[in-house]
């Protein structure tokens, strides 16, 4: 547990540092998300045991690394179109590839890259508040997971989905929602009173709704990727982050939460 906590604290410091330098170096977030997308897709290849099939891995890794560099634009559509043609062309030529494998690869590549790209969209959409929106997104995902972990560890008795993830409990699930809501409200309070200008005001009720809905979505993302790990007979997607596993183990919930937060903020304003 100590390793997990230390890694989490160091990760949080790194995230705050990146967001602090975002205004000086705008492309920093884009580049980091490109690397995260690339490594996440690479981890999928590793657990599936198809890393050596270059006809599939090379175009997929290129697609995964290019898309997050840009906000949602024509570039996204062009990359998706070219990648789709290439993958289906490979499927026709390489008859040794199984349909279920190529389907999973294609689905994961599109879901991971486009979902992670929503973090860039949130940063650009928020303009001067972009870093705040990105932090909210990461907080909904990661504090939900942190709350679920500790509540499940110390209070968990009733299994949530024993056939998918035996350690997850209902107590952890509701604990994750509680910690998520408290965290985003606290972040809102800090930004509202110490960072934003006097003209900006946080709507705490909207923040409450953001966390209340976002936390279960985060849990769903975690469970969905647990299904993939279970079917591939692995505990984690990798071991890049001590105590946490691979990059995808940390960003599985973000992949589900980032689009949710982006769409949520299109209709309900956190800042007035």
Protein backbone atom coordinates (compact mmCIF):
# COMPACT_ATOMS: atom_id res chain seq x y z
CA UNK A 1 0.00 0.00 0.00
CA UNK A 2 2.87 2.38 0.80
CA UNK A 3 4.17 2.06 -2.75
CA UNK A 4 0.72 2.81 -4.12
CA UNK A 5 0.36 5.93 -1.95
CA UNK A 6 3.85 7.24 -2.82
CA UNK A 7 3.21 6.73 -6.53
CA UNK A 8 -0.15 8.47 -6.21
CA UNK A 9 1.35 11.49 -4.42
CA UNK A 10 4.18 11.82 -6.94
CA UNK A 11 1.67 11.49 -9.77
CA UNK A 12 -0.49 14.24 -8.28
CA UNK A 13 2.52 16.56 -7.98
CA UNK A 14 3.40 15.87 -11.61
CA UNK A 15 -0.16 16.64 -12.76
CA UNK A 16 -0.22 19.94 -10.84
CA UNK A 17 3.15 20.88 -12.33
CA UNK A 18 1.95 20.17 -15.87
CA UNK A 19 -1.23 22.19 -15.38
CA UNK A 20 0.75 25.06 -13.84
CA UNK A 21 3.04 25.24 -16.91
CA UNK A 22 0.18 24.78 -19.36
CA UNK A 23 -0.13 28.49 -20.14
CA UNK A 24 3.61 28.80 -20.88
CA UNK A 25 3.81 25.63 -22.95
CA UNK A 26 0.38 24.84 -24.38
CA UNK A 27 1.51 21.75 -26.29
CA UNK A 28 2.80 20.08 -23.12
CA UNK A 29 -0.58 18.51 -22.32
CA UNK A 30 -1.05 17.44 -25.95
CA UNK A 31 2.34 15.72 -26.03
CA UNK A 32 1.80 13.96 -22.70
CA UNK A 33 -1.63 12.73 -23.77
CA UNK A 34 -0.12 11.49 -27.03
CA UNK A 35 2.41 9.46 -25.04
CA UNK A 36 -0.30 8.16 -22.69
CA UNK A 37 -2.46 7.12 -25.65
CA UNK A 38 0.51 5.43 -27.33
CA UNK A 39 1.49 3.49 -24.20
CA UNK A 40 -2.12 2.52 -23.44
CA UNK A 41 -2.64 1.00 -26.87
CA UNK A 42 0.76 -0.68 -26.64
CA UNK A 43 -0.30 -2.30 -23.36
CA UNK A 44 -3.41 -3.67 -25.08
CA UNK A 45 -1.14 -5.28 -27.69
CA UNK A 46 1.03 -6.81 -24.99
CA UNK A 47 -1.81 -8.43 -23.02
CA UNK A 48 -3.31 -9.73 -26.28
CA UNK A 49 0.06 -11.16 -27.30
CA UNK A 50 0.10 -9.55 -30.75
CA UNK A 51 2.88 -6.97 -30.34
CA UNK A 52 4.95 -8.60 -33.08
CA UNK A 53 2.29 -8.26 -35.79
CA UNK A 54 3.71 -5.05 -37.26
CA UNK A 55 1.07 -4.71 -39.97
CA UNK A 56 -1.44 -4.00 -37.19
CA UNK A 57 0.67 -2.44 -34.44
CA UNK A 58 2.50 0.20 -36.49
CA UNK A 59 -0.57 1.92 -38.04
CA UNK A 60 -2.46 1.66 -34.73
CA UNK A 61 0.37 3.19 -32.70
CA UNK A 62 0.73 5.98 -35.25
CA UNK A 63 -2.99 6.68 -35.03
CA UNK A 64 -2.92 6.61 -31.22
CA UNK A 65 0.00 9.03 -31.01
CA UNK A 66 -1.18 11.57 -33.63
CA UNK A 67 -4.85 12.11 -32.68
CA UNK A 68 -4.32 13.49 -29.12
CA UNK A 69 -1.94 16.13 -30.49
CA UNK A 70 -4.92 17.99 -31.91
CA UNK A 71 -8.24 19.31 -30.65
CA UNK A 72 -11.35 17.76 -32.18
CA UNK A 73 -11.06 18.88 -35.80
CA UNK A 74 -10.84 17.74 -39.40
CA UNK A 75 -7.47 16.17 -38.52
CA UNK A 76 -9.28 13.69 -36.27
CA UNK A 77 -11.65 12.67 -39.05
CA UNK A 78 -8.84 12.29 -41.57
CA UNK A 79 -6.75 10.18 -39.17
CA UNK A 80 -9.74 7.99 -38.33
CA UNK A 81 -10.62 7.50 -42.01
CA UNK A 82 -7.07 6.57 -43.06
CA UNK A 83 -6.62 4.28 -40.06
CA UNK A 84 -9.93 2.53 -40.79
CA UNK A 85 -8.97 1.86 -44.41
CA UNK A 86 -5.53 0.56 -43.40
CA UNK A 87 -6.86 -1.78 -40.70
CA UNK A 88 -9.53 -3.28 -42.94
CA UNK A 89 -6.97 -3.63 -45.73
CA UNK A 90 -4.67 -5.52 -43.33
CA UNK A 91 -7.59 -7.75 -42.30
CA UNK A 92 -8.19 -8.67 -45.94
CA UNK A 93 -4.51 -9.41 -46.67
CA UNK A 94 -3.57 -11.16 -43.42
CA UNK A 95 -5.96 -14.07 -43.10
CA UNK A 96 -4.16 -15.37 -40.01
CA UNK A 97 -5.61 -12.49 -37.99
CA UNK A 98 -8.74 -13.40 -36.11
CA UNK A 99 -11.78 -11.18 -36.56
CA UNK A 100 -12.26 -10.84 -32.80
CA UNK A 101 -8.66 -9.66 -32.40
CA UNK A 102 -8.79 -7.08 -35.16
CA UNK A 103 -12.17 -5.88 -33.89
CA UNK A 104 -10.87 -5.41 -30.34
CA UNK A 105 -7.75 -3.63 -31.59
CA UNK A 106 -9.77 -1.25 -33.73
CA UNK A 107 -12.33 -0.56 -30.99
CA UNK A 108 -9.69 0.04 -28.31
CA UNK A 109 -7.61 2.30 -30.55
CA UNK A 110 -10.59 4.49 -31.45
CA UNK A 111 -12.05 4.59 -27.93
CA UNK A 112 -8.75 5.31 -26.16
CA UNK A 113 -7.44 7.96 -28.55
CA UNK A 114 -10.66 9.88 -29.08
CA UNK A 115 -11.62 9.75 -25.39
CA UNK A 116 -8.21 10.96 -24.23
CA UNK A 117 -8.36 13.71 -26.86
CA UNK A 118 -11.35 15.12 -24.97
CA UNK A 119 -8.90 16.28 -22.30
CA UNK A 120 -7.33 18.55 -24.93
CA UNK A 121 -10.81 19.72 -25.93
CA UNK A 122 -11.61 20.52 -22.30
CA UNK A 123 -8.41 22.53 -21.96
CA UNK A 124 -9.14 24.53 -25.12
CA UNK A 125 -12.86 24.90 -24.43
CA UNK A 126 -12.22 26.30 -20.97
CA UNK A 127 -9.65 28.84 -22.25
CA UNK A 128 -8.50 30.63 -19.06
CA UNK A 129 -10.28 27.96 -17.00
CA UNK A 130 -8.96 25.09 -19.11
CA UNK A 131 -6.54 23.75 -16.50
CA UNK A 132 -9.34 23.78 -13.92
CA UNK A 133 -11.59 21.70 -16.20
CA UNK A 134 -8.79 19.21 -16.86
CA UNK A 135 -8.12 18.92 -13.13
CA UNK A 136 -11.82 18.33 -12.47
CA UNK A 137 -11.85 15.53 -15.04
CA UNK A 138 -8.83 13.77 -13.57
CA UNK A 139 -10.18 14.28 -10.04
CA UNK A 140 -13.56 12.69 -10.83
CA UNK A 141 -11.77 9.62 -12.20
CA UNK A 142 -8.92 9.24 -9.75
CA UNK A 143 -10.59 10.29 -6.51
CA UNK A 144 -13.46 7.92 -7.28
CA UNK A 145 -10.93 5.13 -7.66
CA UNK A 146 -9.02 6.18 -4.53
CA UNK A 147 -12.19 6.40 -2.46
CA UNK A 148 -13.41 3.04 -3.72
CA UNK A 149 -10.04 1.45 -2.92
CA UNK A 150 -9.83 2.62 0.69
CA UNK A 151 -13.52 2.25 1.54
CA UNK A 152 -13.49 -1.21 -0.02
CA UNK A 153 -10.33 -2.20 1.82
CA UNK A 154 -11.52 -1.15 5.27
CA UNK A 155 -15.29 -1.46 5.05
CA UNK A 156 -15.99 -3.68 2.05
CA UNK A 157 -18.17 -6.74 2.67
CA UNK A 158 -20.68 -6.97 -0.18
CA UNK A 159 -19.18 -7.85 -3.56
CA UNK A 160 -20.07 -5.57 -6.46
CA UNK A 161 -19.09 -7.70 -9.48
CA UNK A 162 -17.32 -10.82 -8.17
CA UNK A 163 -17.10 -12.45 -11.59
CA UNK A 164 -15.29 -9.44 -13.05
CA UNK A 165 -13.36 -7.85 -10.19
CA UNK A 166 -13.55 -9.85 -6.94
CA UNK A 167 -12.12 -7.07 -4.74
CA UNK A 168 -14.68 -4.41 -5.69
CA UNK A 169 -17.51 -3.92 -3.21
CA UNK A 170 -20.68 -1.86 -2.88
CA UNK A 171 -19.12 -0.11 0.11
CA UNK A 172 -16.17 0.86 -2.06
CA UNK A 173 -18.46 1.98 -4.87
CA UNK A 174 -20.45 4.37 -2.66
CA UNK A 175 -17.29 5.42 -0.84
CA UNK A 176 -15.82 6.38 -4.21
CA UNK A 177 -18.85 8.55 -4.98
CA UNK A 178 -18.55 10.26 -1.59
CA UNK A 179 -14.82 10.98 -1.91
CA UNK A 180 -15.28 12.13 -5.52
CA UNK A 181 -17.96 14.68 -4.57
CA UNK A 182 -15.99 15.98 -1.57
CA UNK A 183 -12.83 16.29 -3.69
CA UNK A 184 -14.34 18.21 -6.60
CA UNK A 185 -16.18 20.52 -4.18
CA UNK A 186 -12.92 21.17 -2.33
CA UNK A 187 -11.05 21.84 -5.57
CA UNK A 188 -13.82 24.23 -6.59
CA UNK A 189 -13.55 26.03 -3.25
CA UNK A 190 -9.77 26.41 -3.55
CA UNK A 191 -9.91 27.73 -7.10
CA UNK A 192 -12.86 30.00 -6.32
CA UNK A 193 -11.20 31.65 -3.31
CA UNK A 194 -7.49 31.60 -4.11
CA UNK A 195 -6.96 31.29 -7.87
CA UNK A 196 -9.85 32.69 -9.90
CA UNK A 197 -10.55 36.39 -10.24
CA UNK A 198 -13.23 38.00 -8.08
CA UNK A 199 -15.57 38.08 -11.07
CA UNK A 200 -15.64 34.26 -11.27
CA UNK A 201 -17.97 32.22 -9.11
CA UNK A 202 -18.19 28.45 -8.71
CA UNK A 203 -21.60 26.81 -8.83
CA UNK A 204 -21.18 24.16 -6.13
CA UNK A 205 -24.48 22.48 -6.91
CA UNK A 206 -23.32 21.84 -10.50
CA UNK A 207 -20.03 20.51 -9.13
CA UNK A 208 -22.00 18.18 -6.87
CA UNK A 209 -23.96 16.83 -9.86
CA UNK A 210 -20.74 16.48 -11.87
CA UNK A 211 -19.23 14.25 -9.20
CA UNK A 212 -22.45 12.37 -8.41
CA UNK A 213 -22.86 11.21 -12.02
CA UNK A 214 -19.20 11.11 -12.94
CA UNK A 215 -18.10 8.73 -10.18
CA UNK A 216 -20.32 5.80 -11.32
CA UNK A 217 -19.14 6.44 -14.90
CA UNK A 218 -15.57 6.21 -13.63
CA UNK A 219 -16.38 2.90 -11.91
CA UNK A 220 -17.95 1.62 -15.14
CA UNK A 221 -14.76 2.40 -17.06
CA UNK A 222 -12.71 0.54 -14.47
CA UNK A 223 -14.99 -2.49 -14.67
CA UNK A 224 -15.02 -2.55 -18.47
CA UNK A 225 -11.24 -2.68 -18.67
CA UNK A 226 -11.22 -5.29 -15.88
CA UNK A 227 -13.26 -7.49 -18.22
CA UNK A 228 -10.52 -7.16 -20.85
CA UNK A 229 -7.81 -8.02 -18.33
CA UNK A 230 -9.78 -11.00 -17.09
CA UNK A 231 -10.26 -12.32 -20.61
CA UNK A 232 -6.56 -11.84 -21.32
CA UNK A 233 -5.69 -13.58 -18.01
CA UNK A 234 -3.62 -10.70 -16.58
CA UNK A 235 -3.86 -8.79 -13.29
CA UNK A 236 -2.59 -5.47 -14.65
CA UNK A 237 -1.96 -4.00 -18.08
CA UNK A 238 1.67 -3.32 -17.14
CA UNK A 239 4.04 -2.33 -14.35
CA UNK A 240 5.09 1.18 -15.34
CA UNK A 241 3.58 2.78 -12.22
CA UNK A 242 4.65 1.04 -8.98
CA UNK A 243 1.66 -0.08 -6.93
CA UNK A 244 -0.82 0.81 -9.67
CA UNK A 245 0.14 -1.26 -12.72
CA UNK A 246 0.29 0.08 -16.25
CA UNK A 247 -0.66 3.39 -17.79
CA UNK A 248 -4.01 1.97 -18.84
CA UNK A 249 -4.69 0.83 -15.27
CA UNK A 250 -4.55 4.50 -14.25
CA UNK A 251 -6.38 5.94 -17.24
CA UNK A 252 -9.15 3.37 -17.82
CA UNK A 253 -11.62 5.47 -15.83
CA UNK A 254 -10.34 8.73 -17.38
CA UNK A 255 -11.20 7.29 -20.80
CA UNK A 256 -14.85 7.14 -19.73
CA UNK A 257 -14.90 10.34 -17.65
CA UNK A 258 -13.21 12.77 -20.08
CA UNK A 259 -15.99 12.66 -22.74
CA UNK A 260 -18.62 12.82 -19.98
CA UNK A 261 -17.08 15.95 -18.44
CA UNK A 262 -16.74 17.60 -21.86
CA UNK A 263 -20.40 16.96 -22.74
CA UNK A 264 -21.55 17.91 -19.22
CA UNK A 265 -19.90 21.31 -19.41
CA UNK A 266 -21.50 22.02 -22.77
CA UNK A 267 -24.90 22.13 -21.06
CA UNK A 268 -24.19 23.04 -17.43
CA UNK A 269 -21.70 25.75 -16.47
CA UNK A 270 -19.59 25.24 -13.36
CA UNK A 271 -18.27 28.81 -13.49
CA UNK A 272 -20.45 31.91 -13.74
